[in-house]
Amino acid sequence: MGTMNYASATEPIELDDRLLAHVRTVALTKLRRGESFALTIPEREKTSATLWINASIPLRFDVSDEVALDRELLTAMMAEASSSRGLDLTGPVLSDELPRAPRLRAMSA
């Protein structure tokens, strides 16, 4: 299991290493191009959260470097991330790839 830390969330988002490696590649490619996008992730109890991925929002990935990337999956994920809906990990293609993530909680100042 890899983790993604988003903004000021107190708990990291846990995702399968394979899926997270693909999300990392999509996010870094889009951000390098100066493109923001929505990322929808599943949470506990049949709910989801949508995160806005933008270069001004801190984002950290901790994932195994030994994961082989699947070109077809990357192509599909890039196309979805470029759509008006953004990259939806709760959709039928990707939802089986990951367990429910913990609910996001922001740190108080």
Protein backbone atom coordinates (compact mmCIF):
# COMPACT_ATOMS: atom_id res chain seq x y z
CA MET A 1 0.00 0.00 0.00
CA GLY A 2 1.25 3.43 -0.93
CA THR A 3 0.11 6.78 0.43
CA MET A 4 -0.76 10.18 -0.96
CA ASN A 5 -0.75 13.26 1.27
CA TYR A 6 -3.01 16.04 0.04
CA ALA A 7 -2.89 19.65 1.26
CA SER A 8 -3.33 19.82 5.03
CA ALA A 9 -5.12 16.49 5.50
CA THR A 10 -4.05 14.87 8.76
CA GLU A 11 -4.29 11.30 7.45
CA PRO A 12 -2.67 10.11 4.24
CA ILE A 13 -4.82 8.55 1.55
CA GLU A 14 -3.93 4.87 1.17
CA LEU A 15 -4.09 3.33 -2.28
CA ASP A 16 -2.80 0.15 -3.85
CA ASP A 17 0.82 0.69 -5.01
CA ARG A 18 -0.03 -0.20 -8.61
CA LEU A 19 -2.90 2.27 -8.83
CA LEU A 20 -1.05 4.98 -6.91
CA ALA A 21 1.96 4.72 -9.22
CA HIS A 22 -0.38 5.39 -12.16
CA VAL A 23 -2.14 8.27 -10.34
CA ARG A 24 1.29 9.78 -9.53
CA THR A 25 2.36 9.62 -13.17
CA VAL A 26 -0.91 11.19 -14.36
CA ALA A 27 -0.75 13.94 -11.71
CA LEU A 28 2.89 14.81 -12.37
CA THR A 29 2.33 14.87 -16.14
CA LYS A 30 -0.73 17.11 -15.86
CA LEU A 31 0.94 19.45 -13.35
CA ARG A 32 4.09 19.69 -15.45
CA ARG A 33 1.87 20.85 -18.32
CA GLY A 34 0.26 23.45 -16.04
CA GLU A 35 -3.08 21.59 -16.06
CA SER A 36 -5.24 21.19 -12.96
CA PHE A 37 -7.83 18.41 -12.63
CA ALA A 38 -10.34 16.82 -10.28
CA LEU A 39 -9.47 13.48 -8.65
CA THR A 40 -12.33 11.50 -7.11
CA ILE A 41 -11.38 8.84 -4.58
CA PRO A 42 -13.57 6.41 -2.64
CA GLU A 43 -13.91 6.78 1.10
CA ARG A 44 -15.43 4.54 3.73
CA GLU A 45 -19.07 3.53 3.68
CA LYS A 46 -19.88 4.06 0.00
CA THR A 47 -18.93 7.74 -0.12
CA SER A 48 -16.36 9.54 -2.19
CA ALA A 49 -14.29 12.71 -2.02
CA THR A 50 -13.21 14.89 -4.91
CA LEU A 51 -9.84 16.62 -4.63
CA TRP A 52 -8.68 19.50 -6.81
CA ILE A 53 -5.16 18.71 -8.03
CA ASN A 54 -3.32 21.96 -8.68
CA ALA A 55 0.34 23.00 -8.56
CA SER A 56 -0.40 25.38 -5.66
CA ILE A 57 -1.71 22.56 -3.42
CA PRO A 58 0.90 20.39 -1.62
CA LEU A 59 0.85 16.80 -2.80
CA ARG A 60 3.18 13.97 -1.77
CA PHE A 61 3.31 10.40 -3.03
CA ASP A 62 4.97 7.50 -1.19
CA VAL A 63 4.83 4.50 -3.50
CA SER A 64 7.01 1.57 -4.44
CA ASP A 65 9.29 2.27 -7.40
CA GLU A 66 9.11 -1.38 -8.40
CA VAL A 67 5.63 -1.06 -9.91
CA ALA A 68 5.50 -1.52 -13.67
CA LEU A 69 3.33 1.06 -15.40
CA ASP A 70 0.64 -0.10 -17.83
CA ARG A 71 0.59 2.13 -20.92
CA GLU A 72 -3.08 1.36 -21.71
CA LEU A 73 -4.18 2.23 -18.18
CA LEU A 74 -2.12 5.45 -18.22
CA THR A 75 -3.68 6.47 -21.54
CA ALA A 76 -7.19 5.84 -20.20
CA MET A 77 -6.45 7.68 -16.95
CA MET A 78 -4.94 10.68 -18.78
CA ALA A 79 -8.00 10.91 -21.03
CA GLU A 80 -10.32 10.76 -18.03
CA ALA A 81 -8.27 13.33 -16.09
CA SER A 82 -8.56 15.67 -19.08
CA SER A 83 -12.35 15.33 -19.20
CA SER A 84 -14.76 17.71 -17.46
CA ARG A 85 -15.38 15.05 -14.76
CA GLY A 86 -11.70 14.56 -13.99
CA LEU A 87 -10.05 11.31 -12.93
CA ASP A 88 -12.64 9.23 -11.08
CA LEU A 89 -11.20 6.28 -9.16
CA THR A 90 -14.72 5.25 -8.14
CA GLY A 91 -15.75 4.57 -11.74
CA PRO A 92 -16.24 1.02 -13.01
CA VAL A 93 -12.80 0.74 -14.63
CA LEU A 94 -10.74 1.73 -11.57
CA SER A 95 -12.97 1.05 -8.56
CA ASP A 96 -11.84 -2.57 -8.26
CA GLU A 97 -8.21 -1.44 -8.05
CA LEU A 98 -8.38 0.08 -4.57
CA PRO A 99 -9.85 -0.33 -1.10
CA ARG A 100 -11.81 2.42 0.62
CA ALA A 101 -9.58 5.31 1.69
CA PRO A 102 -9.91 6.98 5.08
CA ARG A 103 -12.06 10.10 5.32
CA LEU A 104 -10.01 13.27 4.81
CA ARG A 105 -9.63 15.57 7.79
CA ALA A 106 -7.92 18.95 7.62
CA MET A 107 -5.48 20.01 10.31
CA SER A 108 -6.49 23.01 12.37
CA ALA A 109 -4.18 25.99 12.52
